[in-house]
Amino acid sequence: MAENNNPPHHRHSIPGMSALGKLDPKESEMIMEYFRTQVLLLKDKELLQKTVREEKKLLVENAKLKKDISELKIILTEKQQKKKAKAAASSKCSAQSSTAALSAPGTNPKTAPGRERDGRRRRGDRKGRRERTNSESALEEEPRMDVSRLDLRIGRIVGVRYHPLAGALYIQEVDLGEPAPRTVVSALRHIPKEQLQGRLAVLLCNVRPCRVKGVVSTAMVLCGSAPNAHGNDNDDDAQVEFLEPPTNAVPGDRVTFYDYPGEPDRELIPRERVLEQILPDLQTDSRGVATYRGVGFEVRGKGLCRAPTLTNSSIK
């Protein structure tokens, strides 16, 4: 039998392939999928690291740019300051040259009368500017003259007594929602005392306190008033009615006017005659509603104030 002298053929195989060949096809596919996933993850990681390196590089370059900009700003500021200083020095030299030229012999400066006219003109201009400024300020600061300056509130009469020194006056204690009742002196003796006790009324609360026959009155009751049969509403028999607030009003409620917003004065100054200028426009309308220039006395969210029977009458 002849010997086989041919060298043996060695088969080279990939490590692990023989093992994979022994596995179930499904398991082999799963293992290969795992390897592929790992390869993709490694590529993503490499890309992410490259991105981070580029970002760091950009941050460094950004910081350098900021530093360069700051230095350029400083240089620009210094140049502007030098330019301003140079311009100021140039202006000063020009002014000195002009003065020297005017004072030099042979020049023809303005005569004394010309200088005097210029001075008068400048003074007149300054005076005109001051007058215009003052008039504009006066127009801007001129206070409004309407009912919003009156502090009208709802009050409840909690005590009534006769004035010891005046037969036609009552002294009333009125709850206005404040810590203590206010003392009010009023000429309402034609209304029985029993009808005053406990009733609600509309009061003007920012009048300056005044002494009436020895008693200090700190508010004023507003009433509807109509002339008597003789056409005179100053007589004792003039028709006078309380302005009745809405039934659900309580002491301290503000009376407001829709078309006249604004906060009332802290105190009405007598010399300004605010009340005297506003009173003629306070009237009841054809329904008895108390109004100012046609706008009703309103307790916001609760209703209007009105006189029970007096229509188209004045309010005092």
C-alpha atoms as a PDB file:
ATOM      1  CA  MET A   1       0.000   0.000   0.000  1.00  0.00           C
ATOM      2  CA  ALA A   2       1.501   3.261  -1.097  1.00  0.00           C
ATOM      3  CA  GLU A   3       2.213   5.908   1.462  1.00  0.00           C
ATOM      4  CA  ASN A   4       0.527   9.238   1.157  1.00  0.00           C
ATOM      5  CA  ASN A   5       3.372  11.757   1.136  1.00  0.00           C
ATOM      6  CA  ASN A   6       1.165  14.808   0.605  1.00  0.00           C
ATOM      7  CA  PRO A   7       1.190  17.118   3.637  1.00  0.00           C
ATOM      8  CA  PRO A   8      -2.073  17.228   5.550  1.00  0.00           C
ATOM      9  CA  HIS A   9      -4.412  20.144   4.826  1.00  0.00           C
ATOM     10  CA  HIS A  10      -4.921  22.324   7.957  1.00  0.00           C
ATOM     11  CA  ARG A  11      -8.345  24.084   7.997  1.00  0.00           C
ATOM     12  CA  HIS A  12      -8.205  27.535   9.569  1.00  0.00           C
ATOM     13  CA  SER A  13     -11.442  28.519  11.449  1.00  0.00           C
ATOM     14  CA  ILE A  14     -12.614  31.650  13.219  1.00  0.00           C
ATOM     15  CA  PRO A  15     -12.435  31.251  16.961  1.00  0.00           C
ATOM     16  CA  GLY A  16     -15.805  30.442  18.367  1.00  0.00           C
ATOM     17  CA  MET A  17     -17.377  29.644  14.998  1.00  0.00           C
ATOM     18  CA  SER A  18     -17.117  25.949  15.651  1.00  0.00           C
ATOM     19  CA  ALA A  19     -18.912  26.532  18.919  1.00  0.00           C
ATOM     20  CA  LEU A  20     -21.593  28.627  17.203  1.00  0.00           C
ATOM     21  CA  GLY A  21     -22.015  25.887  14.655  1.00  0.00           C
ATOM     22  CA  LYS A  22     -22.917  23.482  17.415  1.00  0.00           C
ATOM     23  CA  LEU A  23     -25.618  25.844  18.761  1.00  0.00           C
ATOM     24  CA  ASP A  24     -29.231  25.996  17.778  1.00  0.00           C
ATOM     25  CA  PRO A  25     -29.742  28.356  14.777  1.00  0.00           C
ATOM     26  CA  LYS A  26     -31.987  30.650  16.828  1.00  0.00           C
ATOM     27  CA  GLU A  27     -29.418  30.954  19.600  1.00  0.00           C
ATOM     28  CA  SER A  28     -26.704  31.648  17.049  1.00  0.00           C
ATOM     29  CA  GLU A  29     -28.813  34.431  15.532  1.00  0.00           C
ATOM     30  CA  MET A  30     -29.399  35.983  18.973  1.00  0.00           C
ATOM     31  CA  ILE A  31     -25.690  35.969  19.743  1.00  0.00           C
ATOM     32  CA  MET A  32     -24.869  37.593  16.421  1.00  0.00           C
ATOM     33  CA  GLU A  33     -27.532  40.249  17.021  1.00  0.00           C
ATOM     34  CA  TYR A  34     -25.978  40.967  20.425  1.00  0.00           C
ATOM     35  CA  PHE A  35     -22.548  41.440  18.780  1.00  0.00           C
ATOM     36  CA  ARG A  36     -24.012  43.762  16.184  1.00  0.00           C
ATOM     37  CA  THR A  37     -25.705  45.833  18.910  1.00  0.00           C
ATOM     38  CA  GLN A  38     -22.447  46.114  20.826  1.00  0.00           C
ATOM     39  CA  VAL A  39     -20.689  47.328  17.689  1.00  0.00           C
ATOM     40  CA  LEU A  40     -23.354  50.021  17.162  1.00  0.00           C
ATOM     41  CA  LEU A  41     -23.072  51.105  20.814  1.00  0.00           C
ATOM     42  CA  LEU A  42     -19.316  51.435  20.476  1.00  0.00           C
ATOM     43  CA  LYS A  43     -19.749  53.597  17.395  1.00  0.00           C
ATOM     44  CA  ASP A  44     -22.290  55.832  19.197  1.00  0.00           C
ATOM     45  CA  LYS A  45     -19.938  56.167  22.140  1.00  0.00           C
ATOM     46  CA  GLU A  46     -17.087  57.200  19.873  1.00  0.00           C
ATOM     47  CA  LEU A  47     -19.348  59.788  18.172  1.00  0.00           C
ATOM     48  CA  LEU A  48     -20.480  61.170  21.540  1.00  0.00           C
ATOM     49  CA  GLN A  49     -16.894  61.510  22.768  1.00  0.00           C
ATOM     50  CA  LYS A  50     -16.006  63.341  19.565  1.00  0.00           C
ATOM     51  CA  THR A  51     -18.987  65.716  20.079  1.00  0.00           C
ATOM     52  CA  VAL A  52     -17.937  66.442  23.680  1.00  0.00           C
ATOM     53  CA  ARG A  53     -14.406  67.225  22.552  1.00  0.00           C
ATOM     54  CA  GLU A  54     -15.726  69.619  19.908  1.00  0.00           C
ATOM     55  CA  GLU A  55     -18.032  71.288  22.451  1.00  0.00           C
ATOM     56  CA  LYS A  56     -15.132  71.843  24.856  1.00  0.00           C
ATOM     57  CA  LYS A  57     -13.115  73.280  22.017  1.00  0.00           C
ATOM     58  CA  LEU A  58     -15.972  75.679  21.148  1.00  0.00           C
ATOM     59  CA  LEU A  59     -16.259  76.786  24.788  1.00  0.00           C
ATOM     60  CA  VAL A  60     -12.575  77.597  24.905  1.00  0.00           C
ATOM     61  CA  GLU A  61     -12.807  79.567  21.656  1.00  0.00           C
ATOM     62  CA  ASN A  62     -15.921  81.417  22.955  1.00  0.00           C
ATOM     63  CA  ALA A  63     -14.128  82.460  26.144  1.00  0.00           C
ATOM     64  CA  LYS A  64     -11.216  83.718  24.074  1.00  0.00           C
ATOM     65  CA  LEU A  65     -13.575  85.751  21.862  1.00  0.00           C
ATOM     66  CA  LYS A  66     -15.231  87.298  24.927  1.00  0.00           C
ATOM     67  CA  LYS A  67     -11.850  88.308  26.275  1.00  0.00           C
ATOM     68  CA  ASP A  68     -10.895  89.851  22.919  1.00  0.00           C
ATOM     69  CA  ILE A  69     -14.177  91.805  22.780  1.00  0.00           C
ATOM     70  CA  SER A  70     -13.637  93.163  26.316  1.00  0.00           C
ATOM     71  CA  GLU A  71     -10.149  94.330  25.403  1.00  0.00           C
ATOM     72  CA  LEU A  72     -11.458  95.984  22.218  1.00  0.00           C
ATOM     73  CA  LYS A  73     -14.157  97.783  24.227  1.00  0.00           C
ATOM     74  CA  ILE A  74     -11.546  99.171  26.616  1.00  0.00           C
ATOM     75  CA  ILE A  75      -9.416 100.375  23.720  1.00  0.00           C
ATOM     76  CA  LEU A  76     -12.452 101.996  22.030  1.00  0.00           C
ATOM     77  CA  THR A  77     -13.465 103.768  25.262  1.00  0.00           C
ATOM     78  CA  GLU A  78      -9.956 105.146  25.732  1.00  0.00           C
ATOM     79  CA  LYS A  79      -9.916 106.437  22.147  1.00  0.00           C
ATOM     80  CA  GLN A  80     -13.306 108.134  22.588  1.00  0.00           C
ATOM     81  CA  GLN A  81     -12.141 109.823  25.797  1.00  0.00           C
ATOM     82  CA  LYS A  82      -8.993 111.075  24.084  1.00  0.00           C
ATOM     83  CA  LYS A  83     -11.080 112.372  21.173  1.00  0.00           C
ATOM     84  CA  LYS A  84     -13.419 114.251  23.535  1.00  0.00           C
ATOM     85  CA  ALA A  85     -10.505 115.751  25.436  1.00  0.00           C
ATOM     86  CA  LYS A  86      -8.922 116.862  22.182  1.00  0.00           C
ATOM     87  CA  ALA A  87     -12.208 118.447  21.014  1.00  0.00           C
ATOM     88  CA  ALA A  88     -12.617 120.272  24.342  1.00  0.00           C
ATOM     89  CA  ALA A  89      -9.072 121.617  24.150  1.00  0.00           C
ATOM     90  CA  SER A  90      -9.672 122.746  20.571  1.00  0.00           C
ATOM     91  CA  SER A  91     -12.883 124.579  21.580  1.00  0.00           C
ATOM     92  CA  LYS A  92     -11.084 126.285  24.438  1.00  0.00           C
ATOM     93  CA  CYS A  93      -8.303 127.479  22.127  1.00  0.00           C
ATOM     94  CA  SER A  94     -10.888 128.826  19.638  1.00  0.00           C
ATOM     95  CA  ALA A  95     -12.685 130.736  22.382  1.00  0.00           C
ATOM     96  CA  GLN A  96      -9.421 132.243  23.610  1.00  0.00           C
ATOM     97  CA  SER A  97      -8.491 133.236  20.049  1.00  0.00           C
ATOM     98  CA  SER A  98     -11.882 134.940  19.564  1.00  0.00           C
ATOM     99  CA  THR A  99     -11.520 136.859  22.822  1.00  0.00           C
ATOM    100  CA  ALA A 100      -8.038 137.974  21.875  1.00  0.00           C
ATOM    101  CA  ALA A 101      -9.223 139.091  18.438  1.00  0.00           C
ATOM    102  CA  LEU A 102     -12.027 141.170  19.943  1.00  0.00           C
ATOM    103  CA  SER A 103      -9.726 142.830  22.443  1.00  0.00           C
ATOM    104  CA  ALA A 104      -7.018 143.532  19.878  1.00  0.00           C
ATOM    105  CA  PRO A 105      -6.578 147.138  18.566  1.00  0.00           C
ATOM    106  CA  GLY A 106      -8.417 147.929  15.359  1.00  0.00           C
ATOM    107  CA  THR A 107     -11.264 145.513  15.976  1.00  0.00           C
ATOM    108  CA  ASN A 108     -14.848 146.691  15.965  1.00  0.00           C
ATOM    109  CA  PRO A 109     -16.718 145.001  18.839  1.00  0.00           C
ATOM    110  CA  LYS A 110     -20.386 145.685  19.491  1.00  0.00           C
ATOM    111  CA  THR A 111     -21.141 149.055  20.932  1.00  0.00           C
ATOM    112  CA  ALA A 112     -22.515 149.440  24.449  1.00  0.00           C
ATOM    113  CA  PRO A 113     -26.105 150.054  23.235  1.00  0.00           C
ATOM    114  CA  GLY A 114     -25.947 146.886  21.103  1.00  0.00           C
ATOM    115  CA  ARG A 115     -24.766 144.830  24.051  1.00  0.00           C
ATOM    116  CA  GLU A 116     -27.520 146.299  26.207  1.00  0.00           C
ATOM    117  CA  ARG A 117     -30.168 145.373  23.634  1.00  0.00           C
ATOM    118  CA  ASP A 118     -28.855 141.804  23.479  1.00  0.00           C
ATOM    119  CA  GLY A 119     -28.947 141.577  27.255  1.00  0.00           C
ATOM    120  CA  ARG A 120     -32.550 142.830  27.367  1.00  0.00           C
ATOM    121  CA  ARG A 121     -33.535 140.335  24.680  1.00  0.00           C
ATOM    122  CA  ARG A 122     -31.984 137.448  26.578  1.00  0.00           C
ATOM    123  CA  ARG A 123     -33.669 138.524  29.817  1.00  0.00           C
ATOM    124  CA  GLY A 124     -37.007 138.767  28.005  1.00  0.00           C
ATOM    125  CA  ASP A 125     -36.576 135.276  26.570  1.00  0.00           C
ATOM    126  CA  ARG A 126     -35.804 133.862  29.992  1.00  0.00           C
ATOM    127  CA  LYS A 127     -38.813 135.613  31.519  1.00  0.00           C
ATOM    128  CA  GLY A 128     -41.090 134.320  28.751  1.00  0.00           C
ATOM    129  CA  ARG A 129     -39.852 130.772  29.291  1.00  0.00           C
ATOM    130  CA  ARG A 130     -40.461 131.052  33.046  1.00  0.00           C
ATOM    131  CA  GLU A 131     -43.992 132.375  32.507  1.00  0.00           C
ATOM    132  CA  ARG A 132     -44.813 129.587  30.062  1.00  0.00           C
ATOM    133  CA  THR A 133     -43.414 126.987  32.452  1.00  0.00           C
ATOM    134  CA  ASN A 134     -45.401 128.427  35.365  1.00  0.00           C
ATOM    135  CA  SER A 135     -48.642 128.516  33.368  1.00  0.00           C
ATOM    136  CA  GLU A 136     -48.148 124.932  32.167  1.00  0.00           C
ATOM    137  CA  SER A 137     -47.421 123.800  35.732  1.00  0.00           C
ATOM    138  CA  ALA A 138     -50.534 125.584  36.980  1.00  0.00           C
ATOM    139  CA  LEU A 139     -52.655 123.838  34.346  1.00  0.00           C
ATOM    140  CA  GLU A 140     -51.155 120.467  35.229  1.00  0.00           C
ATOM    141  CA  GLU A 141     -51.534 120.963  38.990  1.00  0.00           C
ATOM    142  CA  GLU A 142     -55.037 122.465  38.890  1.00  0.00           C
ATOM    143  CA  PRO A 143     -57.170 120.094  40.991  1.00  0.00           C
ATOM    144  CA  ARG A 144     -60.304 118.534  39.555  1.00  0.00           C
ATOM    145  CA  MET A 145     -63.555 120.183  40.572  1.00  0.00           C
ATOM    146  CA  ASP A 146     -66.160 117.437  40.724  1.00  0.00           C
ATOM    147  CA  VAL A 147     -68.059 115.269  43.179  1.00  0.00           C
ATOM    148  CA  SER A 148     -65.228 112.694  43.468  1.00  0.00           C
ATOM    149  CA  ARG A 149     -63.529 115.099  45.886  1.00  0.00           C
ATOM    150  CA  LEU A 150     -66.375 114.606  48.406  1.00  0.00           C
ATOM    151  CA  ASP A 151     -66.060 111.743  50.891  1.00  0.00           C
ATOM    152  CA  LEU A 152     -69.688 110.563  50.974  1.00  0.00           C
ATOM    153  CA  ARG A 153     -70.439 107.583  53.193  1.00  0.00           C
ATOM    154  CA  ILE A 154     -73.378 105.738  54.674  1.00  0.00           C
ATOM    155  CA  GLY A 155     -73.903 106.262  58.404  1.00  0.00           C
ATOM    156  CA  ARG A 156     -76.390 105.059  61.030  1.00  0.00           C
ATOM    157  CA  ILE A 157     -77.705 107.502  63.645  1.00  0.00           C
ATOM    158  CA  VAL A 158     -77.164 105.730  66.978  1.00  0.00           C
ATOM    159  CA  GLY A 159     -77.927 108.638  69.305  1.00  0.00           C
ATOM    160  CA  VAL A 160     -79.960 111.876  69.160  1.00  0.00           C
ATOM    161  CA  ARG A 161     -80.297 114.670  71.684  1.00  0.00           C
ATOM    162  CA  TYR A 162     -81.367 118.295  71.653  1.00  0.00           C
ATOM    163  CA  HIS A 163     -78.692 120.970  71.483  1.00  0.00           C
ATOM    164  CA  PRO A 164     -78.719 122.694  74.878  1.00  0.00           C
ATOM    165  CA  LEU A 165     -77.931 126.142  73.415  1.00  0.00           C
ATOM    166  CA  ALA A 166     -79.931 126.095  70.162  1.00  0.00           C
ATOM    167  CA  GLY A 167     -83.561 125.087  69.954  1.00  0.00           C
ATOM    168  CA  ALA A 168     -83.455 124.367  66.194  1.00  0.00           C
ATOM    169  CA  LEU A 169     -80.503 121.928  66.330  1.00  0.00           C
ATOM    170  CA  TYR A 170     -79.994 118.273  67.063  1.00  0.00           C
ATOM    171  CA  ILE A 171     -76.768 116.677  68.257  1.00  0.00           C
ATOM    172  CA  GLN A 172     -76.452 113.229  66.669  1.00  0.00           C
ATOM    173  CA  GLU A 173     -73.988 110.403  67.206  1.00  0.00           C
ATOM    174  CA  VAL A 174     -73.435 108.629  63.868  1.00  0.00           C
ATOM    175  CA  ASP A 175     -71.805 105.233  63.252  1.00  0.00           C
ATOM    176  CA  LEU A 176     -69.702 105.455  60.055  1.00  0.00           C
ATOM    177  CA  GLY A 177     -67.933 102.126  60.387  1.00  0.00           C
ATOM    178  CA  GLU A 178     -65.085 103.792  62.310  1.00  0.00           C
ATOM    179  CA  PRO A 179     -63.765 102.861  65.760  1.00  0.00           C
ATOM    180  CA  ALA A 180     -66.004 105.506  67.386  1.00  0.00           C
ATOM    181  CA  PRO A 181     -69.161 107.343  66.288  1.00  0.00           C
ATOM    182  CA  ARG A 182     -68.885 110.904  64.965  1.00  0.00           C
ATOM    183  CA  THR A 183     -70.704 113.875  66.454  1.00  0.00           C
ATOM    184  CA  VAL A 184     -72.879 115.727  63.937  1.00  0.00           C
ATOM    185  CA  VAL A 185     -74.839 118.924  64.586  1.00  0.00           C
ATOM    186  CA  SER A 186     -77.771 119.423  62.167  1.00  0.00           C
ATOM    187  CA  ALA A 187     -80.800 121.681  61.796  1.00  0.00           C
ATOM    188  CA  LEU A 188     -83.364 118.877  61.592  1.00  0.00           C
ATOM    189  CA  ARG A 189     -85.603 119.704  64.567  1.00  0.00           C
ATOM    190  CA  HIS A 190     -88.696 119.654  62.307  1.00  0.00           C
ATOM    191  CA  ILE A 191     -88.160 115.865  62.018  1.00  0.00           C
ATOM    192  CA  PRO A 192     -89.311 114.015  65.150  1.00  0.00           C
ATOM    193  CA  LYS A 193     -86.500 112.656  67.250  1.00  0.00           C
ATOM    194  CA  GLU A 194     -87.956 109.142  67.148  1.00  0.00           C
ATOM    195  CA  GLN A 195     -87.700 109.084  63.331  1.00  0.00           C
ATOM    196  CA  LEU A 196     -83.967 109.826  63.468  1.00  0.00           C
ATOM    197  CA  GLN A 197     -82.933 107.168  65.942  1.00  0.00           C
ATOM    198  CA  GLY A 198     -81.411 104.115  64.175  1.00  0.00           C
ATOM    199  CA  ARG A 199     -81.956 105.265  60.598  1.00  0.00           C
ATOM    200  CA  LEU A 200     -79.392 105.237  57.780  1.00  0.00           C
ATOM    201  CA  ALA A 201     -78.315 108.482  56.104  1.00  0.00           C
ATOM    202  CA  VAL A 202     -75.809 109.850  53.584  1.00  0.00           C
ATOM    203  CA  LEU A 203     -73.093 111.957  55.212  1.00  0.00           C
ATOM    204  CA  LEU A 204     -70.284 114.169  53.929  1.00  0.00           C
ATOM    205  CA  CYS A 205     -67.301 113.060  56.013  1.00  0.00           C
ATOM    206  CA  ASN A 206     -64.364 115.211  54.878  1.00  0.00           C
ATOM    207  CA  VAL A 207     -65.651 118.630  55.911  1.00  0.00           C
ATOM    208  CA  ARG A 208     -63.389 120.485  58.300  1.00  0.00           C
ATOM    209  CA  PRO A 209     -64.619 120.045  61.896  1.00  0.00           C
ATOM    210  CA  CYS A 210     -66.389 123.190  63.085  1.00  0.00           C
ATOM    211  CA  ARG A 211     -67.814 124.382  66.385  1.00  0.00           C
ATOM    212  CA  VAL A 212     -71.581 124.961  66.378  1.00  0.00           C
ATOM    213  CA  LYS A 213     -72.829 126.661  69.550  1.00  0.00           C
ATOM    214  CA  GLY A 214     -70.021 125.081  71.551  1.00  0.00           C
ATOM    215  CA  VAL A 215     -70.302 121.575  70.051  1.00  0.00           C
ATOM    216  CA  VAL A 216     -67.771 120.350  67.457  1.00  0.00           C
ATOM    217  CA  SER A 217     -69.478 118.827  64.397  1.00  0.00           C
ATOM    218  CA  THR A 218     -67.327 116.473  62.295  1.00  0.00           C
ATOM    219  CA  ALA A 219     -69.648 115.576  59.398  1.00  0.00           C
ATOM    220  CA  MET A 220     -72.692 116.816  57.498  1.00  0.00           C
ATOM    221  CA  VAL A 221     -76.004 115.063  56.774  1.00  0.00           C
ATOM    222  CA  LEU A 222     -77.210 115.396  53.156  1.00  0.00           C
ATOM    223  CA  CYS A 223     -80.949 115.795  52.569  1.00  0.00           C
ATOM    224  CA  GLY A 224     -83.283 116.507  49.690  1.00  0.00           C
ATOM    225  CA  SER A 225     -84.838 119.977  49.981  1.00  0.00           C
ATOM    226  CA  ALA A 226     -87.800 121.538  48.162  1.00  0.00           C
ATOM    227  CA  PRO A 227     -89.264 125.054  48.490  1.00  0.00           C
ATOM    228  CA  ASN A 228     -92.352 125.567  50.575  1.00  0.00           C
ATOM    229  CA  ALA A 229     -95.648 126.877  49.251  1.00  0.00           C
ATOM    230  CA  HIS A 230     -94.182 130.395  49.133  1.00  0.00           C
ATOM    231  CA  GLY A 231     -91.254 129.273  46.987  1.00  0.00           C
ATOM    232  CA  ASN A 232     -88.715 129.782  49.769  1.00  0.00           C
ATOM    233  CA  ASP A 233     -86.672 126.789  50.867  1.00  0.00           C
ATOM    234  CA  ASN A 234     -84.977 128.619  53.747  1.00  0.00           C
ATOM    235  CA  ASP A 235     -88.043 128.834  55.915  1.00  0.00           C
ATOM    236  CA  ASP A 236     -88.750 126.435  58.734  1.00  0.00           C
ATOM    237  CA  ASP A 237     -91.622 124.847  56.787  1.00  0.00           C
ATOM    238  CA  ALA A 238     -89.447 123.881  53.749  1.00  0.00           C
ATOM    239  CA  GLN A 239     -89.764 120.251  52.712  1.00  0.00           C
ATOM    240  CA  VAL A 240     -86.705 118.273  53.808  1.00  0.00           C
ATOM    241  CA  GLU A 241     -86.146 114.533  53.473  1.00  0.00           C
ATOM    242  CA  PHE A 242     -83.253 112.246  54.291  1.00  0.00           C
ATOM    243  CA  LEU A 243     -81.555 110.609  51.319  1.00  0.00           C
ATOM    244  CA  GLU A 244     -82.303 106.938  51.851  1.00  0.00           C
ATOM    245  CA  PRO A 245     -79.433 104.500  51.085  1.00  0.00           C
ATOM    246  CA  PRO A 246     -80.075 101.029  49.615  1.00  0.00           C
ATOM    247  CA  THR A 247     -81.714  98.721  52.138  1.00  0.00           C
ATOM    248  CA  ASN A 248     -78.673  96.402  52.305  1.00  0.00           C
ATOM    249  CA  ALA A 249     -76.138  99.220  52.840  1.00  0.00           C
ATOM    250  CA  VAL A 250     -74.134  99.257  56.066  1.00  0.00           C
ATOM    251  CA  PRO A 251     -72.300 102.017  57.967  1.00  0.00           C
ATOM    252  CA  GLY A 252     -69.021 102.926  56.261  1.00  0.00           C
ATOM    253  CA  ASP A 253     -70.109 102.077  52.689  1.00  0.00           C
ATOM    254  CA  ARG A 254     -68.744 104.594  50.156  1.00  0.00           C
ATOM    255  CA  VAL A 255     -71.071 106.505  47.838  1.00  0.00           C
ATOM    256  CA  THR A 256     -69.480 106.647  44.387  1.00  0.00           C
ATOM    257  CA  PHE A 257     -70.261 108.096  40.967  1.00  0.00           C
ATOM    258  CA  TYR A 258     -69.718 106.013  37.841  1.00  0.00           C
ATOM    259  CA  ASP A 259     -68.529 108.850  35.582  1.00  0.00           C
ATOM    260  CA  TYR A 260     -66.418 110.525  38.285  1.00  0.00           C
ATOM    261  CA  PRO A 261     -63.798 108.112  39.640  1.00  0.00           C
ATOM    262  CA  GLY A 262     -61.078 109.257  41.987  1.00  0.00           C
ATOM    263  CA  GLU A 263     -60.214 109.388  45.646  1.00  0.00           C
ATOM    264  CA  PRO A 264     -61.798 112.106  47.831  1.00  0.00           C
ATOM    265  CA  ASP A 265     -59.800 114.892  49.476  1.00  0.00           C
ATOM    266  CA  ARG A 266     -58.543 114.085  52.925  1.00  0.00           C
ATOM    267  CA  GLU A 267     -60.202 117.310  54.090  1.00  0.00           C
ATOM    268  CA  LEU A 268     -62.014 120.033  52.163  1.00  0.00           C
ATOM    269  CA  ILE A 269     -60.204 123.355  52.541  1.00  0.00           C
ATOM    270  CA  PRO A 270     -62.748 126.154  53.099  1.00  0.00           C
ATOM    271  CA  ARG A 271     -60.856 128.789  51.092  1.00  0.00           C
ATOM    272  CA  GLU A 272     -61.037 126.577  47.965  1.00  0.00           C
ATOM    273  CA  ARG A 273     -64.874 126.585  48.218  1.00  0.00           C
ATOM    274  CA  VAL A 274     -65.087 123.070  46.784  1.00  0.00           C
ATOM    275  CA  LEU A 275     -68.421 122.228  48.411  1.00  0.00           C
ATOM    276  CA  GLU A 276     -69.970 125.561  47.389  1.00  0.00           C
ATOM    277  CA  GLN A 277     -69.079 124.881  43.746  1.00  0.00           C
ATOM    278  CA  ILE A 278     -70.357 121.287  43.751  1.00  0.00           C
ATOM    279  CA  LEU A 279     -73.610 121.678  45.735  1.00  0.00           C
ATOM    280  CA  PRO A 280     -75.596 123.381  42.906  1.00  0.00           C
ATOM    281  CA  ASP A 281     -75.133 120.240  40.767  1.00  0.00           C
ATOM    282  CA  LEU A 282     -76.495 117.887  43.472  1.00  0.00           C
ATOM    283  CA  GLN A 283     -80.173 117.200  42.755  1.00  0.00           C
ATOM    284  CA  THR A 284     -82.830 114.518  42.785  1.00  0.00           C
ATOM    285  CA  ASP A 285     -84.114 113.481  39.364  1.00  0.00           C
ATOM    286  CA  SER A 286     -87.687 112.790  38.238  1.00  0.00           C
ATOM    287  CA  ARG A 287     -87.611 109.426  40.071  1.00  0.00           C
ATOM    288  CA  GLY A 288     -86.211 110.872  43.289  1.00  0.00           C
ATOM    289  CA  VAL A 289     -82.720 109.392  42.716  1.00  0.00           C
ATOM    290  CA  ALA A 290     -79.949 111.556  44.159  1.00  0.00           C
ATOM    291  CA  THR A 291     -77.606 112.618  41.338  1.00  0.00           C
ATOM    292  CA  TYR A 292     -74.603 114.745  40.456  1.00  0.00           C
ATOM    293  CA  ARG A 293     -74.934 116.102  36.917  1.00  0.00           C
ATOM    294  CA  GLY A 294     -77.260 113.232  36.096  1.00  0.00           C
ATOM    295  CA  VAL A 295     -75.043 110.475  37.610  1.00  0.00           C
ATOM    296  CA  GLY A 296     -76.630 108.626  40.540  1.00  0.00           C
ATOM    297  CA  PHE A 297     -75.387 108.369  44.117  1.00  0.00           C
ATOM    298  CA  GLU A 298     -74.382 104.678  44.063  1.00  0.00           C
ATOM    299  CA  VAL A 299     -73.332 102.276  46.779  1.00  0.00           C
ATOM    300  CA  ARG A 300     -71.385  99.889  44.585  1.00  0.00           C
ATOM    301  CA  GLY A 301     -73.027  96.507  44.246  1.00  0.00           C
ATOM    302  CA  LYS A 302     -75.979  97.500  46.455  1.00  0.00           C
ATOM    303  CA  GLY A 303     -77.973 100.210  44.687  1.00  0.00           C
ATOM    304  CA  LEU A 304     -78.789 103.924  44.496  1.00  0.00           C
ATOM    305  CA  CYS A 305     -79.622 106.541  47.124  1.00  0.00           C
ATOM    306  CA  ARG A 306     -82.917 108.407  46.724  1.00  0.00           C
ATOM    307  CA  ALA A 307     -85.348 110.787  48.398  1.00  0.00           C
ATOM    308  CA  PRO A 308     -88.661 109.115  49.290  1.00  0.00           C
ATOM    309  CA  THR A 309     -90.972 111.723  47.717  1.00  0.00           C
ATOM    310  CA  LEU A 310     -88.962 114.759  46.567  1.00  0.00           C
ATOM    311  CA  THR A 311     -88.236 114.834  42.827  1.00  0.00           C
ATOM    312  CA  ASN A 312     -86.298 117.417  40.805  1.00  0.00           C
ATOM    313  CA  SER A 313     -85.212 119.070  44.035  1.00  0.00           C
ATOM    314  CA  SER A 314     -81.917 120.307  45.410  1.00  0.00           C
ATOM    315  CA  ILE A 315     -79.673 118.416  47.826  1.00  0.00           C
ATOM    316  CA  LYS A 316     -78.157 120.219  50.799  1.00  0.00           C
END
